[in-house]
Amino acid sequence: MSGGDLLLIAASGLAREVLALVGAHDLYDVIGILDDAAVLHGTEVDGVRVLGGVEVAATRPFAALLVCAGRGSARETIVKRLADVGIGRERFATVVHPGVEVPAGSRVGAGTILLAGVALTTAVSIGDHVVVMPNATLTHDDTLEDYATVCAGVSLAGFVTVGSGAYVGMNASVRERVRVGSGATLGMGAALLRDLPDDETWVGVPARKIDGGPAGRHAS
């Protein structure tokens, strides 16, 4: 049974993935996509019309919202814009693939997206507007703070924290009790054995800082 009307914000690859998920499992009726790129207005993304800019959300008060920007920083900016026009946390949908089990004692925040194959073992805390891509593994006592992005195939050992707006690239692994700092980027395939400071970019096995790389809040 559908959870009601849903507007997706950002005509992105992530939005297409969400469209496929909610359509296949009748989770919501997606009534449109909002994007500030005027060139997209009136076009369609996988059969769903782009209705206009983000401000249109305020004119559809009975539709749930889901921010589908790929970057955590972009999701945060959009959420703050919506808050400025009176749209609160209660308006945001949470989309979890039906095959993903959220164990008792774990939590998943508003506006968060968990795609197919994500595994949560126990006592996992996931904040608001987090994106977890397919086949990521989150083990006991992990914490994903608001606006974090965890890509496909990532493995987090126990008691790991991924800070606000951090980006963990495909197939990266993080040792137990290690923190990925807020706004940081951990490159794909990396193995993180010690804390990654805020806003730094680390790559490799074992992961080390690189200079001149993209800041985590700007990773896509």
N, C-alpha and C. Protein backbone atom coordinates (compact mmCIF):
# COMPACT_ATOMS: atom_id res chain seq x y z
N MET A 1 0.84 -1.19 0.00
CA MET A 1 0.00 0.00 0.00
C MET A 1 0.88 1.24 0.00
N SER A 2 0.55 2.21 -0.84
CA SER A 2 1.33 3.43 -0.96
C SER A 2 1.27 4.25 0.32
N GLY A 3 2.41 4.88 0.64
CA GLY A 3 2.47 5.76 1.81
C GLY A 3 1.96 7.16 1.53
N GLY A 4 1.40 7.42 0.35
CA GLY A 4 0.87 8.74 0.02
C GLY A 4 1.72 9.44 -1.01
N ASP A 5 1.40 10.71 -1.24
CA ASP A 5 2.10 11.49 -2.25
C ASP A 5 3.50 11.88 -1.78
N LEU A 6 4.42 11.89 -2.72
CA LEU A 6 5.81 12.20 -2.42
C LEU A 6 6.38 13.09 -3.51
N LEU A 7 7.08 14.15 -3.11
CA LEU A 7 7.85 14.99 -4.01
C LEU A 7 9.33 14.74 -3.77
N LEU A 8 10.07 14.47 -4.84
CA LEU A 8 11.51 14.33 -4.76
C LEU A 8 12.16 15.67 -5.09
N ILE A 9 13.19 16.00 -4.34
CA ILE A 9 13.89 17.27 -4.55
C ILE A 9 15.30 16.98 -5.04
N ALA A 10 15.60 17.44 -6.23
CA ALA A 10 16.84 17.28 -6.99
C ALA A 10 16.66 16.18 -8.04
N ALA A 11 16.81 16.57 -9.29
CA ALA A 11 16.68 15.64 -10.42
C ALA A 11 18.02 14.96 -10.65
N SER A 12 18.35 14.06 -9.76
CA SER A 12 19.68 13.46 -9.69
C SER A 12 19.64 11.97 -10.01
N GLY A 13 20.82 11.37 -10.09
CA GLY A 13 20.88 9.93 -10.20
C GLY A 13 20.26 9.25 -9.00
N LEU A 14 20.47 9.81 -7.81
CA LEU A 14 19.85 9.27 -6.61
C LEU A 14 18.33 9.32 -6.71
N ALA A 15 17.79 10.40 -7.26
CA ALA A 15 16.33 10.48 -7.45
C ALA A 15 15.85 9.34 -8.34
N ARG A 16 16.59 9.02 -9.38
CA ARG A 16 16.19 7.92 -10.26
C ARG A 16 16.20 6.59 -9.50
N GLU A 17 17.19 6.40 -8.64
CA GLU A 17 17.23 5.18 -7.84
C GLU A 17 16.05 5.10 -6.89
N VAL A 18 15.69 6.23 -6.29
CA VAL A 18 14.53 6.26 -5.40
C VAL A 18 13.25 5.99 -6.18
N LEU A 19 13.13 6.58 -7.36
CA LEU A 19 11.95 6.32 -8.19
C LEU A 19 11.79 4.83 -8.47
N ALA A 20 12.88 4.18 -8.82
CA ALA A 20 12.82 2.75 -9.11
C ALA A 20 12.40 1.96 -7.87
N LEU A 21 12.94 2.35 -6.71
CA LEU A 21 12.63 1.64 -5.47
C LEU A 21 11.17 1.82 -5.07
N VAL A 22 10.70 3.06 -5.00
CA VAL A 22 9.33 3.28 -4.52
C VAL A 22 8.31 2.77 -5.53
N GLY A 23 8.66 2.80 -6.82
CA GLY A 23 7.75 2.28 -7.83
C GLY A 23 7.63 0.77 -7.78
N ALA A 24 8.74 0.09 -7.60
CA ALA A 24 8.74 -1.36 -7.59
C ALA A 24 8.00 -1.93 -6.38
N HIS A 25 7.99 -1.17 -5.29
CA HIS A 25 7.43 -1.69 -4.05
C HIS A 25 6.22 -0.89 -3.55
N ASP A 26 5.72 0.02 -4.39
CA ASP A 26 4.52 0.79 -4.06
C ASP A 26 4.64 1.47 -2.70
N LEU A 27 5.80 2.08 -2.45
CA LEU A 27 6.01 2.73 -1.15
C LEU A 27 5.35 4.10 -1.09
N TYR A 28 5.40 4.85 -2.20
CA TYR A 28 4.79 6.18 -2.30
C TYR A 28 4.31 6.38 -3.73
N ASP A 29 3.45 7.39 -3.89
CA ASP A 29 3.10 7.88 -5.22
C ASP A 29 3.92 9.15 -5.47
N VAL A 30 4.92 9.05 -6.34
CA VAL A 30 5.76 10.22 -6.62
C VAL A 30 5.01 11.12 -7.60
N ILE A 31 4.63 12.31 -7.13
CA ILE A 31 3.80 13.21 -7.93
C ILE A 31 4.62 14.25 -8.68
N GLY A 32 5.92 14.28 -8.45
CA GLY A 32 6.76 15.22 -9.17
C GLY A 32 8.14 15.32 -8.57
N ILE A 33 9.00 16.01 -9.32
CA ILE A 33 10.37 16.28 -8.90
C ILE A 33 10.56 17.79 -8.91
N LEU A 34 11.28 18.29 -7.92
CA LEU A 34 11.60 19.71 -7.85
C LEU A 34 13.10 19.91 -8.02
N ASP A 35 13.46 20.90 -8.83
CA ASP A 35 14.88 21.18 -9.07
C ASP A 35 15.00 22.63 -9.49
N ASP A 36 16.01 23.32 -8.99
CA ASP A 36 16.17 24.74 -9.29
C ASP A 36 16.70 25.01 -10.70
N ALA A 37 17.13 23.99 -11.41
CA ALA A 37 17.63 24.19 -12.77
C ALA A 37 16.45 24.44 -13.71
N ALA A 38 16.29 25.69 -14.13
CA ALA A 38 15.12 26.07 -14.94
C ALA A 38 15.04 25.27 -16.23
N VAL A 39 16.19 24.87 -16.76
CA VAL A 39 16.19 24.12 -18.02
C VAL A 39 15.47 22.78 -17.89
N LEU A 40 15.33 22.28 -16.66
CA LEU A 40 14.68 21.00 -16.45
C LEU A 40 13.17 21.12 -16.24
N HIS A 41 12.70 22.33 -15.98
CA HIS A 41 11.29 22.50 -15.66
C HIS A 41 10.43 22.09 -16.85
N GLY A 42 9.44 21.24 -16.58
CA GLY A 42 8.57 20.75 -17.63
C GLY A 42 9.07 19.49 -18.32
N THR A 43 10.29 19.09 -18.04
CA THR A 43 10.81 17.84 -18.59
C THR A 43 10.43 16.68 -17.67
N GLU A 44 10.80 15.48 -18.06
CA GLU A 44 10.52 14.30 -17.25
C GLU A 44 11.80 13.55 -16.92
N VAL A 45 11.82 12.97 -15.73
CA VAL A 45 12.89 12.08 -15.31
C VAL A 45 12.26 10.71 -15.07
N ASP A 46 12.58 9.77 -15.91
CA ASP A 46 12.02 8.42 -15.81
C ASP A 46 10.49 8.45 -15.67
N GLY A 47 9.88 9.31 -16.46
CA GLY A 47 8.43 9.39 -16.50
C GLY A 47 7.77 10.28 -15.47
N VAL A 48 8.56 10.95 -14.64
CA VAL A 48 8.02 11.84 -13.61
C VAL A 48 8.40 13.27 -13.95
N ARG A 49 7.42 14.16 -13.93
CA ARG A 49 7.60 15.53 -14.38
C ARG A 49 8.35 16.38 -13.35
N VAL A 50 9.25 17.23 -13.86
CA VAL A 50 9.91 18.23 -13.02
C VAL A 50 8.98 19.44 -12.97
N LEU A 51 8.42 19.71 -11.80
CA LEU A 51 7.35 20.69 -11.65
C LEU A 51 7.84 22.12 -11.51
N GLY A 52 9.07 22.28 -11.07
CA GLY A 52 9.61 23.62 -10.84
C GLY A 52 10.71 23.57 -9.81
N GLY A 53 11.00 24.73 -9.22
CA GLY A 53 12.08 24.83 -8.25
C GLY A 53 11.68 24.32 -6.87
N VAL A 54 12.65 24.37 -5.97
CA VAL A 54 12.44 23.87 -4.62
C VAL A 54 11.29 24.58 -3.91
N GLU A 55 11.06 25.84 -4.25
CA GLU A 55 10.01 26.62 -3.58
C GLU A 55 8.61 26.03 -3.79
N VAL A 56 8.44 25.21 -4.81
CA VAL A 56 7.12 24.60 -5.07
C VAL A 56 6.69 23.70 -3.91
N ALA A 57 7.64 23.20 -3.13
CA ALA A 57 7.30 22.34 -2.00
C ALA A 57 6.31 23.00 -1.05
N ALA A 58 6.43 24.32 -0.90
CA ALA A 58 5.54 25.03 0.03
C ALA A 58 4.11 25.09 -0.48
N THR A 59 3.91 24.86 -1.76
CA THR A 59 2.56 24.92 -2.34
C THR A 59 1.88 23.56 -2.34
N ARG A 60 2.57 22.52 -1.91
CA ARG A 60 2.02 21.16 -1.86
C ARG A 60 2.12 20.63 -0.43
N PRO A 61 1.33 21.21 0.49
CA PRO A 61 1.52 20.90 1.92
C PRO A 61 1.17 19.48 2.31
N PHE A 62 0.46 18.75 1.47
CA PHE A 62 0.05 17.40 1.85
C PHE A 62 0.97 16.32 1.27
N ALA A 63 1.98 16.74 0.54
CA ALA A 63 2.93 15.77 -0.01
C ALA A 63 4.15 15.67 0.90
N ALA A 64 4.61 14.44 1.13
CA ALA A 64 5.87 14.24 1.82
C ALA A 64 7.02 14.65 0.89
N LEU A 65 8.16 14.92 1.47
CA LEU A 65 9.33 15.39 0.72
C LEU A 65 10.51 14.47 0.96
N LEU A 66 11.35 14.34 -0.06
CA LEU A 66 12.58 13.57 0.07
C LEU A 66 13.67 14.27 -0.74
N VAL A 67 14.71 14.71 -0.06
CA VAL A 67 15.80 15.43 -0.73
C VAL A 67 16.78 14.40 -1.30
N CYS A 68 16.96 14.43 -2.63
CA CYS A 68 17.74 13.42 -3.33
C CYS A 68 19.03 13.96 -3.92
N ALA A 69 19.52 15.07 -3.41
CA ALA A 69 20.83 15.55 -3.85
C ALA A 69 21.91 14.58 -3.39
N GLY A 70 22.88 14.32 -4.26
CA GLY A 70 23.90 13.33 -3.94
C GLY A 70 24.86 13.78 -2.86
N ARG A 71 25.16 15.05 -2.80
CA ARG A 71 26.11 15.58 -1.81
C ARG A 71 25.39 15.90 -0.50
N GLY A 72 26.00 15.52 0.60
CA GLY A 72 25.43 15.85 1.89
C GLY A 72 25.30 17.34 2.10
N SER A 73 26.28 18.11 1.62
CA SER A 73 26.22 19.57 1.78
C SER A 73 25.05 20.15 1.02
N ALA A 74 24.75 19.60 -0.16
CA ALA A 74 23.61 20.08 -0.93
C ALA A 74 22.31 19.73 -0.24
N ARG A 75 22.22 18.52 0.33
CA ARG A 75 21.01 18.16 1.06
C ARG A 75 20.80 19.10 2.24
N GLU A 76 21.86 19.42 2.95
CA GLU A 76 21.76 20.31 4.10
C GLU A 76 21.29 21.71 3.68
N THR A 77 21.82 22.22 2.58
CA THR A 77 21.42 23.55 2.10
C THR A 77 19.94 23.57 1.75
N ILE A 78 19.47 22.53 1.07
CA ILE A 78 18.06 22.47 0.68
C ILE A 78 17.17 22.39 1.91
N VAL A 79 17.53 21.55 2.87
CA VAL A 79 16.71 21.42 4.09
C VAL A 79 16.63 22.75 4.83
N LYS A 80 17.73 23.48 4.88
CA LYS A 80 17.71 24.79 5.55
C LYS A 80 16.84 25.78 4.79
N ARG A 81 16.87 25.73 3.47
CA ARG A 81 15.99 26.60 2.68
C ARG A 81 14.53 26.30 2.96
N LEU A 82 14.22 25.03 3.03
CA LEU A 82 12.83 24.64 3.31
C LEU A 82 12.42 25.07 4.72
N ALA A 83 13.33 24.96 5.67
CA ALA A 83 13.02 25.40 7.03
C ALA A 83 12.72 26.89 7.08
N ASP A 84 13.39 27.66 6.23
CA ASP A 84 13.17 29.10 6.20
C ASP A 84 11.76 29.48 5.76
N VAL A 85 11.07 28.56 5.05
CA VAL A 85 9.69 28.82 4.62
C VAL A 85 8.70 27.99 5.44
N GLY A 86 9.17 27.50 6.59
CA GLY A 86 8.27 26.86 7.52
C GLY A 86 8.08 25.37 7.36
N ILE A 87 8.91 24.72 6.55
CA ILE A 87 8.78 23.28 6.34
C ILE A 87 9.70 22.57 7.34
N GLY A 88 9.07 21.80 8.21
CA GLY A 88 9.80 21.15 9.29
C GLY A 88 10.10 19.69 9.04
N ARG A 89 10.73 19.08 10.02
CA ARG A 89 11.19 17.70 9.94
C ARG A 89 10.07 16.72 9.64
N GLU A 90 8.86 17.04 10.12
CA GLU A 90 7.73 16.12 9.96
C GLU A 90 7.31 15.93 8.51
N ARG A 91 7.73 16.82 7.61
CA ARG A 91 7.34 16.71 6.21
C ARG A 91 8.20 15.70 5.43
N PHE A 92 9.31 15.26 6.01
CA PHE A 92 10.25 14.46 5.23
C PHE A 92 9.97 12.97 5.36
N ALA A 93 9.91 12.31 4.22
CA ALA A 93 9.74 10.87 4.17
C ALA A 93 11.07 10.18 4.50
N THR A 94 10.96 8.96 4.96
CA THR A 94 12.11 8.06 5.10
C THR A 94 11.87 6.88 4.19
N VAL A 95 12.82 6.57 3.32
CA VAL A 95 12.62 5.49 2.35
C VAL A 95 13.65 4.40 2.62
N VAL A 96 13.14 3.24 2.99
CA VAL A 96 13.97 2.07 3.30
C VAL A 96 13.51 0.92 2.41
N HIS A 97 14.44 0.34 1.68
CA HIS A 97 14.09 -0.82 0.85
C HIS A 97 13.43 -1.88 1.72
N PRO A 98 12.33 -2.48 1.24
CA PRO A 98 11.61 -3.47 2.06
C PRO A 98 12.46 -4.66 2.50
N GLY A 99 13.53 -4.94 1.78
CA GLY A 99 14.40 -6.05 2.16
C GLY A 99 15.41 -5.71 3.23
N VAL A 100 15.46 -4.44 3.64
CA VAL A 100 16.41 -4.00 4.67
C VAL A 100 15.74 -4.11 6.03
N GLU A 101 16.33 -4.87 6.92
CA GLU A 101 15.79 -5.03 8.28
C GLU A 101 16.42 -3.98 9.20
N VAL A 102 15.56 -3.22 9.88
CA VAL A 102 16.03 -2.27 10.89
C VAL A 102 15.76 -2.92 12.25
N PRO A 103 16.79 -3.43 12.92
CA PRO A 103 16.56 -4.19 14.15
C PRO A 103 16.03 -3.31 15.27
N ALA A 104 15.37 -3.94 16.22
CA ALA A 104 14.96 -3.24 17.44
C ALA A 104 16.19 -2.64 18.10
N GLY A 105 16.05 -1.41 18.57
CA GLY A 105 17.17 -0.72 19.18
C GLY A 105 17.98 0.11 18.20
N SER A 106 17.66 0.02 16.91
CA SER A 106 18.28 0.88 15.90
C SER A 106 17.29 1.97 15.51
N ARG A 107 17.80 3.06 14.94
CA ARG A 107 16.90 4.13 14.51
C ARG A 107 17.36 4.66 13.16
N VAL A 108 16.37 5.12 12.37
CA VAL A 108 16.64 5.71 11.07
C VAL A 108 15.89 7.04 11.03
N GLY A 109 16.61 8.13 10.73
CA GLY A 109 16.05 9.46 10.82
C GLY A 109 15.20 9.87 9.64
N ALA A 110 14.60 11.04 9.78
CA ALA A 110 13.73 11.60 8.74
C ALA A 110 14.55 11.97 7.50
N GLY A 111 13.97 11.72 6.33
CA GLY A 111 14.63 12.09 5.08
C GLY A 111 15.77 11.18 4.68
N THR A 112 15.91 10.07 5.37
CA THR A 112 17.03 9.16 5.10
C THR A 112 16.61 8.10 4.07
N ILE A 113 17.59 7.65 3.29
CA ILE A 113 17.38 6.68 2.21
C ILE A 113 18.31 5.49 2.44
N LEU A 114 17.75 4.29 2.54
CA LEU A 114 18.53 3.05 2.62
C LEU A 114 18.16 2.20 1.42
N LEU A 115 19.11 1.99 0.52
CA LEU A 115 18.85 1.24 -0.71
C LEU A 115 19.04 -0.27 -0.48
N ALA A 116 18.83 -1.04 -1.53
CA ALA A 116 18.79 -2.51 -1.43
C ALA A 116 20.09 -3.08 -0.88
N GLY A 117 19.94 -4.09 -0.04
CA GLY A 117 21.09 -4.84 0.43
C GLY A 117 21.83 -4.24 1.61
N VAL A 118 21.37 -3.11 2.12
CA VAL A 118 22.02 -2.52 3.29
C VAL A 118 21.77 -3.44 4.49
N ALA A 119 22.83 -3.68 5.28
CA ALA A 119 22.72 -4.54 6.46
C ALA A 119 23.00 -3.72 7.71
N LEU A 120 22.06 -3.77 8.66
CA LEU A 120 22.24 -3.20 9.99
C LEU A 120 22.20 -4.35 10.97
N THR A 121 23.21 -4.50 11.81
CA THR A 121 23.22 -5.64 12.73
C THR A 121 22.44 -5.33 14.00
N THR A 122 22.92 -4.41 14.83
CA THR A 122 22.18 -4.04 16.03
C THR A 122 22.67 -2.70 16.55
N ALA A 123 21.75 -1.97 17.18
CA ALA A 123 22.07 -0.69 17.85
C ALA A 123 22.75 0.30 16.91
N VAL A 124 22.24 0.39 15.70
CA VAL A 124 22.77 1.34 14.71
C VAL A 124 21.91 2.60 14.74
N SER A 125 22.55 3.74 14.79
CA SER A 125 21.84 5.03 14.82
C SER A 125 22.16 5.80 13.55
N ILE A 126 21.11 6.08 12.76
CA ILE A 126 21.26 6.79 11.50
C ILE A 126 20.47 8.08 11.59
N GLY A 127 21.12 9.20 11.34
CA GLY A 127 20.50 10.51 11.50
C GLY A 127 19.58 10.88 10.35
N ASP A 128 19.29 12.17 10.25
CA ASP A 128 18.39 12.71 9.24
C ASP A 128 19.13 12.96 7.93
N HIS A 129 18.43 12.71 6.82
CA HIS A 129 18.93 13.03 5.47
C HIS A 129 20.26 12.35 5.17
N VAL A 130 20.37 11.13 5.65
CA VAL A 130 21.53 10.27 5.36
C VAL A 130 21.20 9.42 4.15
N VAL A 131 22.19 9.12 3.33
CA VAL A 131 22.02 8.21 2.20
C VAL A 131 22.99 7.04 2.37
N VAL A 132 22.42 5.82 2.32
CA VAL A 132 23.24 4.60 2.38
C VAL A 132 22.96 3.81 1.11
N MET A 133 23.98 3.62 0.31
CA MET A 133 23.88 2.98 -0.98
C MET A 133 23.87 1.44 -0.85
N PRO A 134 23.61 0.73 -1.96
CA PRO A 134 23.42 -0.72 -1.87
C PRO A 134 24.60 -1.47 -1.25
N ASN A 135 24.20 -2.49 -0.46
CA ASN A 135 25.14 -3.50 0.07
C ASN A 135 26.18 -2.94 1.03
N ALA A 136 25.89 -1.82 1.65
CA ALA A 136 26.74 -1.34 2.74
C ALA A 136 26.41 -2.12 4.01
N THR A 137 27.42 -2.32 4.85
CA THR A 137 27.25 -3.06 6.10
C THR A 137 27.56 -2.15 7.28
N LEU A 138 26.56 -1.98 8.14
CA LEU A 138 26.68 -1.16 9.34
C LEU A 138 26.53 -2.09 10.54
N THR A 139 27.58 -2.20 11.36
CA THR A 139 27.54 -3.18 12.44
C THR A 139 27.25 -2.51 13.78
N HIS A 140 27.36 -3.27 14.83
CA HIS A 140 26.83 -2.85 16.13
C HIS A 140 27.37 -1.50 16.60
N ASP A 141 26.44 -0.70 17.08
CA ASP A 141 26.75 0.58 17.73
C ASP A 141 27.36 1.62 16.80
N ASP A 142 27.15 1.46 15.50
CA ASP A 142 27.59 2.49 14.55
C ASP A 142 26.65 3.69 14.60
N THR A 143 27.20 4.86 14.31
CA THR A 143 26.43 6.10 14.25
C THR A 143 26.74 6.82 12.95
N LEU A 144 25.69 7.11 12.19
CA LEU A 144 25.81 7.94 10.99
C LEU A 144 25.09 9.25 11.29
N GLU A 145 25.83 10.33 11.34
CA GLU A 145 25.24 11.62 11.68
C GLU A 145 24.53 12.23 10.47
N ASP A 146 23.75 13.28 10.72
CA ASP A 146 22.93 13.91 9.68
C ASP A 146 23.76 14.22 8.42
N TYR A 147 23.14 13.98 7.27
CA TYR A 147 23.68 14.35 5.95
C TYR A 147 24.90 13.52 5.53
N ALA A 148 25.20 12.47 6.25
CA ALA A 148 26.29 11.59 5.82
C ALA A 148 25.89 10.82 4.57
N THR A 149 26.90 10.41 3.79
CA THR A 149 26.70 9.58 2.61
C THR A 149 27.63 8.38 2.70
N VAL A 150 27.05 7.18 2.64
CA VAL A 150 27.81 5.94 2.69
C VAL A 150 27.54 5.19 1.39
N CYS A 151 28.56 4.99 0.60
CA CYS A 151 28.39 4.45 -0.75
C CYS A 151 28.33 2.92 -0.76
N ALA A 152 28.10 2.39 -1.95
CA ALA A 152 27.89 0.95 -2.11
C ALA A 152 29.08 0.14 -1.64
N GLY A 153 28.79 -0.96 -0.94
CA GLY A 153 29.83 -1.90 -0.55
C GLY A 153 30.68 -1.50 0.62
N VAL A 154 30.37 -0.40 1.28
CA VAL A 154 31.14 0.05 2.44
C VAL A 154 30.93 -0.92 3.60
N SER A 155 31.98 -1.13 4.39
CA SER A 155 31.90 -1.96 5.60
C SER A 155 32.39 -1.15 6.80
N LEU A 156 31.51 -1.00 7.78
CA LEU A 156 31.87 -0.30 9.01
C LEU A 156 31.90 -1.30 10.15
N ALA A 157 33.02 -1.37 10.85
CA ALA A 157 33.11 -2.23 12.03
C ALA A 157 32.32 -1.58 13.18
N GLY A 158 32.34 -2.20 14.35
CA GLY A 158 31.53 -1.73 15.46
C GLY A 158 32.00 -0.40 16.04
N PHE A 159 31.05 0.34 16.59
CA PHE A 159 31.31 1.62 17.26
C PHE A 159 31.96 2.66 16.35
N VAL A 160 31.73 2.57 15.05
CA VAL A 160 32.23 3.58 14.11
C VAL A 160 31.25 4.75 14.08
N THR A 161 31.78 5.96 13.95
CA THR A 161 30.96 7.15 13.75
C THR A 161 31.34 7.79 12.41
N VAL A 162 30.32 8.09 11.61
CA VAL A 162 30.50 8.85 10.38
C VAL A 162 29.88 10.21 10.63
N GLY A 163 30.69 11.25 10.62
CA GLY A 163 30.26 12.57 11.03
C GLY A 163 29.32 13.24 10.05
N SER A 164 28.74 14.33 10.48
CA SER A 164 27.78 15.08 9.68
C SER A 164 28.39 15.49 8.34
N GLY A 165 27.69 15.17 7.26
CA GLY A 165 28.12 15.55 5.93
C GLY A 165 29.31 14.80 5.39
N ALA A 166 29.78 13.79 6.11
CA ALA A 166 30.93 13.02 5.64
C ALA A 166 30.53 12.13 4.47
N TYR A 167 31.52 11.73 3.69
CA TYR A 167 31.32 10.91 2.49
C TYR A 167 32.27 9.73 2.55
N VAL A 168 31.72 8.52 2.53
CA VAL A 168 32.53 7.30 2.55
C VAL A 168 32.36 6.61 1.21
N GLY A 169 33.45 6.53 0.43
CA GLY A 169 33.39 6.05 -0.94
C GLY A 169 33.19 4.55 -1.06
N MET A 170 32.85 4.11 -2.27
CA MET A 170 32.53 2.71 -2.53
C MET A 170 33.61 1.75 -2.03
N ASN A 171 33.14 0.70 -1.37
CA ASN A 171 33.99 -0.42 -0.93
C ASN A 171 35.05 -0.03 0.09
N ALA A 172 34.91 1.13 0.71
CA ALA A 172 35.82 1.49 1.79
C ALA A 172 35.47 0.70 3.05
N SER A 173 36.46 0.55 3.92
CA SER A 173 36.28 -0.15 5.20
C SER A 173 36.81 0.73 6.32
N VAL A 174 36.12 0.65 7.47
CA VAL A 174 36.51 1.46 8.62
C VAL A 174 36.65 0.55 9.84
N ARG A 175 37.79 0.66 10.50
CA ARG A 175 38.09 -0.15 11.68
C ARG A 175 37.18 0.23 12.85
N GLU A 176 37.04 -0.71 13.80
CA GLU A 176 36.18 -0.46 14.95
C GLU A 176 36.66 0.74 15.77
N ARG A 177 35.66 1.49 16.30
CA ARG A 177 35.88 2.64 17.19
C ARG A 177 36.61 3.80 16.51
N VAL A 178 36.54 3.87 15.20
CA VAL A 178 37.17 4.95 14.44
C VAL A 178 36.09 5.92 13.99
N ARG A 179 36.45 7.20 13.92
CA ARG A 179 35.51 8.24 13.49
C ARG A 179 35.94 8.83 12.14
N VAL A 180 34.98 8.95 11.24
CA VAL A 180 35.15 9.72 10.01
C VAL A 180 34.60 11.11 10.32
N GLY A 181 35.44 12.12 10.28
CA GLY A 181 35.07 13.45 10.75
C GLY A 181 33.99 14.11 9.91
N SER A 182 33.36 15.10 10.50
CA SER A 182 32.33 15.86 9.79
C SER A 182 32.91 16.50 8.54
N GLY A 183 32.20 16.36 7.43
CA GLY A 183 32.65 16.96 6.18
C GLY A 183 33.84 16.28 5.54
N ALA A 184 34.28 15.17 6.10
CA ALA A 184 35.46 14.47 5.56
C ALA A 184 35.07 13.56 4.40
N THR A 185 36.07 13.19 3.60
CA THR A 185 35.91 12.23 2.51
C THR A 185 36.87 11.07 2.71
N LEU A 186 36.34 9.85 2.66
CA LEU A 186 37.17 8.65 2.64
C LEU A 186 37.02 8.04 1.26
N GLY A 187 38.12 7.94 0.52
CA GLY A 187 38.07 7.51 -0.86
C GLY A 187 37.66 6.06 -1.04
N MET A 188 37.20 5.74 -2.25
CA MET A 188 36.71 4.39 -2.50
C MET A 188 37.85 3.38 -2.38
N GLY A 189 37.52 2.24 -1.77
CA GLY A 189 38.48 1.18 -1.56
C GLY A 189 39.45 1.40 -0.42
N ALA A 190 39.32 2.50 0.29
CA ALA A 190 40.26 2.81 1.36
C ALA A 190 40.00 1.93 2.59
N ALA A 191 41.04 1.79 3.41
CA ALA A 191 40.92 1.11 4.70
C ALA A 191 41.34 2.10 5.78
N LEU A 192 40.36 2.55 6.57
CA LEU A 192 40.62 3.57 7.59
C LEU A 192 40.89 2.90 8.92
N LEU A 193 42.09 3.12 9.47
CA LEU A 193 42.51 2.47 10.70
C LEU A 193 42.58 3.43 11.88
N ARG A 194 42.47 4.73 11.63
CA ARG A 194 42.49 5.72 12.71
C ARG A 194 41.60 6.89 12.35
N ASP A 195 41.30 7.73 13.31
CA ASP A 195 40.34 8.81 13.10
C ASP A 195 40.74 9.71 11.94
N LEU A 196 39.75 10.04 11.13
CA LEU A 196 39.92 10.96 10.00
C LEU A 196 39.38 12.32 10.43
N PRO A 197 40.22 13.35 10.50
CA PRO A 197 39.75 14.65 11.00
C PRO A 197 38.69 15.29 10.11
N ASP A 198 37.96 16.22 10.68
CA ASP A 198 36.93 16.95 9.96
C ASP A 198 37.50 17.57 8.68
N ASP A 199 36.72 17.50 7.60
CA ASP A 199 36.97 18.22 6.35
C ASP A 199 38.26 17.82 5.63
N GLU A 200 38.83 16.68 5.99
CA GLU A 200 40.01 16.19 5.28
C GLU A 200 39.61 15.07 4.32
N THR A 201 40.47 14.81 3.32
CA THR A 201 40.28 13.73 2.36
C THR A 201 41.40 12.72 2.51
N TRP A 202 41.03 11.47 2.77
CA TRP A 202 42.00 10.40 2.93
C TRP A 202 41.69 9.29 1.93
N VAL A 203 42.76 8.67 1.41
CA VAL A 203 42.61 7.56 0.45
C VAL A 203 43.65 6.50 0.75
N GLY A 204 43.47 5.32 0.16
CA GLY A 204 44.50 4.31 0.19
C GLY A 204 44.33 3.26 1.27
N VAL A 205 45.30 2.31 1.28
CA VAL A 205 45.32 1.20 2.23
C VAL A 205 46.72 1.12 2.84
N PRO A 206 46.89 1.47 4.10
CA PRO A 206 45.88 2.12 4.95
C PRO A 206 45.64 3.56 4.49
N ALA A 207 44.50 4.10 4.86
CA ALA A 207 44.13 5.43 4.40
C ALA A 207 45.02 6.50 5.01
N ARG A 208 45.42 7.46 4.14
CA ARG A 208 46.22 8.59 4.58
C ARG A 208 45.70 9.86 3.93
N LYS A 209 46.02 10.99 4.51
CA LYS A 209 45.58 12.27 3.99
C LYS A 209 46.23 12.56 2.64
N ILE A 210 45.42 13.14 1.74
CA ILE A 210 45.99 13.68 0.51
C ILE A 210 45.75 15.17 0.48
N ASP A 211 46.63 15.90 -0.16
CA ASP A 211 46.51 17.35 -0.29
C ASP A 211 45.89 17.67 -1.64
N GLY A 212 45.10 18.73 -1.65
CA GLY A 212 44.54 19.21 -2.90
C GLY A 212 43.34 18.44 -3.37
N GLY A 213 42.82 17.50 -2.57
CA GLY A 213 41.63 16.74 -2.93
C GLY A 213 40.38 17.51 -2.62
N PRO A 214 39.23 17.04 -3.09
CA PRO A 214 37.97 17.73 -2.83
C PRO A 214 37.59 17.63 -1.37
N ALA A 215 37.10 18.73 -0.80
CA ALA A 215 36.61 18.69 0.57
C ALA A 215 35.42 17.76 0.64
N GLY A 216 35.26 17.12 1.81
CA GLY A 216 34.18 16.16 1.96
C GLY A 216 32.81 16.74 1.70
N ARG A 217 32.58 17.97 2.07
CA ARG A 217 31.26 18.56 1.90
C ARG A 217 30.96 18.87 0.44
N HIS A 218 31.94 18.66 -0.43
CA HIS A 218 31.71 18.92 -1.85
C HIS A 218 31.83 17.65 -2.68
N ALA A 219 32.01 16.51 -2.02
CA ALA A 219 32.12 15.26 -2.78
C ALA A 219 30.77 14.89 -3.36
N SER A 220 30.78 14.23 -4.50
CA SER A 220 29.52 13.83 -5.14
C SER A 220 29.43 12.32 -5.21
